[in-house]
Amino acid sequence: MSFFVVFIKNDHFLAEFLKKRVFYSLLLIETTQSRILRQFKIK
């Protein structure tokens, strides 16, 4: 586990990639929830 943490700290590109993945997945969840809420409001 500690090796994995050190690896991420050393590899800047991988760290940025993981941050972007988390950000985009959260963004996708937010947009999906808002779409579902809008559909419920219309009905």
PDB file of N, CA and C in Angstrom:
ATOM      1  N   MET A   1       0.841  -1.206   0.000  1.00  0.00           N
ATOM      2  CA  MET A   1       0.000   0.000   0.000  1.00  0.00           C
ATOM      3  C   MET A   1       0.873   1.251   0.000  1.00  0.00           C
ATOM      4  N   SER A   2       1.902   1.261   0.856  1.00  0.00           N
ATOM      5  CA  SER A   2       2.780   2.435   0.923  1.00  0.00           C
ATOM      6  C   SER A   2       3.528   2.615  -0.399  1.00  0.00           C
ATOM      7  N   PHE A   3       3.891   1.502  -1.038  1.00  0.00           N
ATOM      8  CA  PHE A   3       4.571   1.587  -2.338  1.00  0.00           C
ATOM      9  C   PHE A   3       3.679   2.280  -3.360  1.00  0.00           C
ATOM     10  N   PHE A   4       2.396   1.955  -3.337  1.00  0.00           N
ATOM     11  CA  PHE A   4       1.443   2.561  -4.270  1.00  0.00           C
ATOM     12  C   PHE A   4       1.358   4.066  -4.059  1.00  0.00           C
ATOM     13  N   VAL A   5       1.329   4.495  -2.799  1.00  0.00           N
ATOM     14  CA  VAL A   5       1.265   5.931  -2.491  1.00  0.00           C
ATOM     15  C   VAL A   5       2.515   6.633  -2.999  1.00  0.00           C
ATOM     16  N   VAL A   6       3.678   6.054  -2.759  1.00  0.00           N
ATOM     17  CA  VAL A   6       4.938   6.647  -3.223  1.00  0.00           C
ATOM     18  C   VAL A   6       4.948   6.714  -4.745  1.00  0.00           C
ATOM     19  N   PHE A   7       4.444   5.684  -5.384  1.00  0.00           N
ATOM     20  CA  PHE A   7       4.401   5.642  -6.851  1.00  0.00           C
ATOM     21  C   PHE A   7       3.559   6.787  -7.393  1.00  0.00           C
ATOM     22  N   ILE A   8       2.397   7.018  -6.794  1.00  0.00           N
ATOM     23  CA  ILE A   8       1.528   8.109  -7.247  1.00  0.00           C
ATOM     24  C   ILE A   8       2.208   9.455  -7.006  1.00  0.00           C
ATOM     25  N   LYS A   9       2.857   9.619  -5.854  1.00  0.00           N
ATOM     26  CA  LYS A   9       3.527  10.898  -5.561  1.00  0.00           C
ATOM     27  C   LYS A   9       4.638  11.164  -6.569  1.00  0.00           C
ATOM     28  N   ASN A  10       5.355  10.118  -6.964  1.00  0.00           N
ATOM     29  CA  ASN A  10       6.459  10.298  -7.905  1.00  0.00           C
ATOM     30  C   ASN A  10       5.950  10.536  -9.322  1.00  0.00           C
ATOM     31  N   ASP A  11       4.886   9.871  -9.697  1.00  0.00           N
ATOM     32  CA  ASP A  11       4.391   9.981 -11.065  1.00  0.00           C
ATOM     33  C   ASP A  11       3.350  11.093 -11.133  1.00  0.00           C
ATOM     34  N   HIS A  12       3.775  12.273 -11.523  1.00  0.00           N
ATOM     35  CA  HIS A  12       2.880  13.433 -11.550  1.00  0.00           C
ATOM     36  C   HIS A  12       1.758  13.231 -12.565  1.00  0.00           C
ATOM     37  N   PHE A  13       2.082  12.673 -13.719  1.00  0.00           N
ATOM     38  CA  PHE A  13       1.081  12.482 -14.771  1.00  0.00           C
ATOM     39  C   PHE A  13      -0.051  11.579 -14.294  1.00  0.00           C
ATOM     40  N   LEU A  14       0.312  10.493 -13.625  1.00  0.00           N
ATOM     41  CA  LEU A  14      -0.701   9.561 -13.135  1.00  0.00           C
ATOM     42  C   LEU A  14      -1.598  10.233 -12.100  1.00  0.00           C
ATOM     43  N   ALA A  15      -0.995  11.051 -11.224  1.00  0.00           N
ATOM     44  CA  ALA A  15      -1.778  11.748 -10.207  1.00  0.00           C
ATOM     45  C   ALA A  15      -2.783  12.688 -10.863  1.00  0.00           C
ATOM     46  N   GLU A  16      -2.340  13.448 -11.866  1.00  0.00           N
ATOM     47  CA  GLU A  16      -3.250  14.360 -12.572  1.00  0.00           C
ATOM     48  C   GLU A  16      -4.359  13.573 -13.252  1.00  0.00           C
ATOM     49  N   PHE A  17      -3.999  12.439 -13.860  1.00  0.00           N
ATOM     50  CA  PHE A  17      -4.985  11.614 -14.555  1.00  0.00           C
ATOM     51  C   PHE A  17      -6.053  11.115 -13.585  1.00  0.00           C
ATOM     52  N   LEU A  18      -5.622  10.661 -12.406  1.00  0.00           N
ATOM     53  CA  LEU A  18      -6.584  10.170 -11.419  1.00  0.00           C
ATOM     54  C   LEU A  18      -7.493  11.292 -10.938  1.00  0.00           C
ATOM     55  N   LYS A  19      -6.916  12.490 -10.721  1.00  0.00           N
ATOM     56  CA  LYS A  19      -7.731  13.630 -10.286  1.00  0.00           C
ATOM     57  C   LYS A  19      -8.794  13.941 -11.323  1.00  0.00           C
ATOM     58  N   LYS A  20      -8.389  13.951 -12.605  1.00  0.00           N
ATOM     59  CA  LYS A  20      -9.348  14.257 -13.670  1.00  0.00           C
ATOM     60  C   LYS A  20     -10.429  13.196 -13.745  1.00  0.00           C
ATOM     61  N   ARG A  21     -10.048  11.928 -13.576  1.00  0.00           N
ATOM     62  CA  ARG A  21     -11.043  10.854 -13.635  1.00  0.00           C
ATOM     63  C   ARG A  21     -12.086  11.020 -12.537  1.00  0.00           C
ATOM     64  N   VAL A  22     -11.625  11.291 -11.321  1.00  0.00           N
ATOM     65  CA  VAL A  22     -12.556  11.474 -10.201  1.00  0.00           C
ATOM     66  C   VAL A  22     -13.461  12.670 -10.467  1.00  0.00           C
ATOM     67  N   PHE A  23     -12.866  13.777 -10.957  1.00  0.00           N
ATOM     68  CA  PHE A  23     -13.636  14.987 -11.224  1.00  0.00           C
ATOM     69  C   PHE A  23     -14.715  14.730 -12.269  1.00  0.00           C
ATOM     70  N   TYR A  24     -14.341  14.087 -13.375  1.00  0.00           N
ATOM     71  CA  TYR A  24     -15.314  13.858 -14.443  1.00  0.00           C
ATOM     72  C   TYR A  24     -16.388  12.864 -14.027  1.00  0.00           C
ATOM     73  N   SER A  25     -16.032  11.851 -13.233  1.00  0.00           N
ATOM     74  CA  SER A  25     -17.044  10.895 -12.786  1.00  0.00           C
ATOM     75  C   SER A  25     -18.044  11.577 -11.859  1.00  0.00           C
ATOM     76  N   LEU A  26     -17.560  12.469 -10.974  1.00  0.00           N
ATOM     77  CA  LEU A  26     -18.470  13.211 -10.103  1.00  0.00           C
ATOM     78  C   LEU A  26     -19.359  14.130 -10.923  1.00  0.00           C
ATOM     79  N   LEU A  27     -18.779  14.780 -11.932  1.00  0.00           N
ATOM     80  CA  LEU A  27     -19.546  15.675 -12.799  1.00  0.00           C
ATOM     81  C   LEU A  27     -20.642  14.891 -13.517  1.00  0.00           C
ATOM     82  N   LEU A  28     -20.306  13.702 -14.005  1.00  0.00           N
ATOM     83  CA  LEU A  28     -21.276  12.863 -14.704  1.00  0.00           C
ATOM     84  C   LEU A  28     -22.415  12.471 -13.768  1.00  0.00           C
ATOM     85  N   ILE A  29     -22.095  12.118 -12.529  1.00  0.00           N
ATOM     86  CA  ILE A  29     -23.123  11.758 -11.549  1.00  0.00           C
ATOM     87  C   ILE A  29     -24.043  12.949 -11.289  1.00  0.00           C
ATOM     88  N   GLU A  30     -23.468  14.144 -11.138  1.00  0.00           N
ATOM     89  CA  GLU A  30     -24.270  15.347 -10.884  1.00  0.00           C
ATOM     90  C   GLU A  30     -25.232  15.610 -12.039  1.00  0.00           C
ATOM     91  N   THR A  31     -24.736  15.555 -13.279  1.00  0.00           N
ATOM     92  CA  THR A  31     -25.596  15.845 -14.431  1.00  0.00           C
ATOM     93  C   THR A  31     -26.687  14.794 -14.566  1.00  0.00           C
ATOM     94  N   THR A  32     -26.353  13.536 -14.290  1.00  0.00           N
ATOM     95  CA  THR A  32     -27.355  12.474 -14.378  1.00  0.00           C
ATOM     96  C   THR A  32     -28.449  12.685 -13.337  1.00  0.00           C
ATOM     97  N   GLN A  33     -28.061  13.043 -12.113  1.00  0.00           N
ATOM     98  CA  GLN A  33     -29.055  13.273 -11.062  1.00  0.00           C
ATOM     99  C   GLN A  33     -29.954  14.446 -11.415  1.00  0.00           C
ATOM    100  N   SER A  34     -29.384  15.525 -11.957  1.00  0.00           N
ATOM    101  CA  SER A  34     -30.201  16.692 -12.292  1.00  0.00           C
ATOM    102  C   SER A  34     -31.173  16.348 -13.416  1.00  0.00           C
ATOM    103  N   ARG A  35     -30.741  15.533 -14.379  1.00  0.00           N
ATOM    104  CA  ARG A  35     -31.650  15.115 -15.454  1.00  0.00           C
ATOM    105  C   ARG A  35     -32.813  14.315 -14.893  1.00  0.00           C
ATOM    106  N   ILE A  36     -32.508  13.389 -13.988  1.00  0.00           N
ATOM    107  CA  ILE A  36     -33.563  12.569 -13.387  1.00  0.00           C
ATOM    108  C   ILE A  36     -34.531  13.457 -12.612  1.00  0.00           C
ATOM    109  N   LEU A  37     -34.002  14.423 -11.860  1.00  0.00           N
ATOM    110  CA  LEU A  37     -34.861  15.324 -11.095  1.00  0.00           C
ATOM    111  C   LEU A  37     -35.749  16.143 -12.025  1.00  0.00           C
ATOM    112  N   ARG A  38     -35.196  16.605 -13.147  1.00  0.00           N
ATOM    113  CA  ARG A  38     -35.998  17.379 -14.096  1.00  0.00           C
ATOM    114  C   ARG A  38     -37.126  16.536 -14.653  1.00  0.00           C
ATOM    115  N   GLN A  39     -36.849  15.280 -14.973  1.00  0.00           N
ATOM    116  CA  GLN A  39     -37.889  14.402 -15.510  1.00  0.00           C
ATOM    117  C   GLN A  39     -39.006  14.215 -14.488  1.00  0.00           C
ATOM    118  N   PHE A  40     -38.641  14.075 -13.220  1.00  0.00           N
ATOM    119  CA  PHE A  40     -39.661  13.920 -12.183  1.00  0.00           C
ATOM    120  C   PHE A  40     -40.488  15.193 -12.038  1.00  0.00           C
ATOM    121  N   LYS A  41     -39.848  16.357 -12.157  1.00  0.00           N
ATOM    122  CA  LYS A  41     -40.576  17.616 -12.036  1.00  0.00           C
ATOM    123  C   LYS A  41     -41.558  17.787 -13.183  1.00  0.00           C
ATOM    124  N   ILE A  42     -41.159  17.368 -14.387  1.00  0.00           N
ATOM    125  CA  ILE A  42     -42.047  17.489 -15.547  1.00  0.00           C
ATOM    126  C   ILE A  42     -43.260  16.585 -15.354  1.00  0.00           C
ATOM    127  N   LYS A  43     -43.032  15.375 -14.847  1.00  0.00           N
ATOM    128  CA  LYS A  43     -44.147  14.457 -14.605  1.00  0.00           C
ATOM    129  C   LYS A  43     -44.891  14.925 -13.364  1.00  0.00           C
TER     130      LYS A  43
END
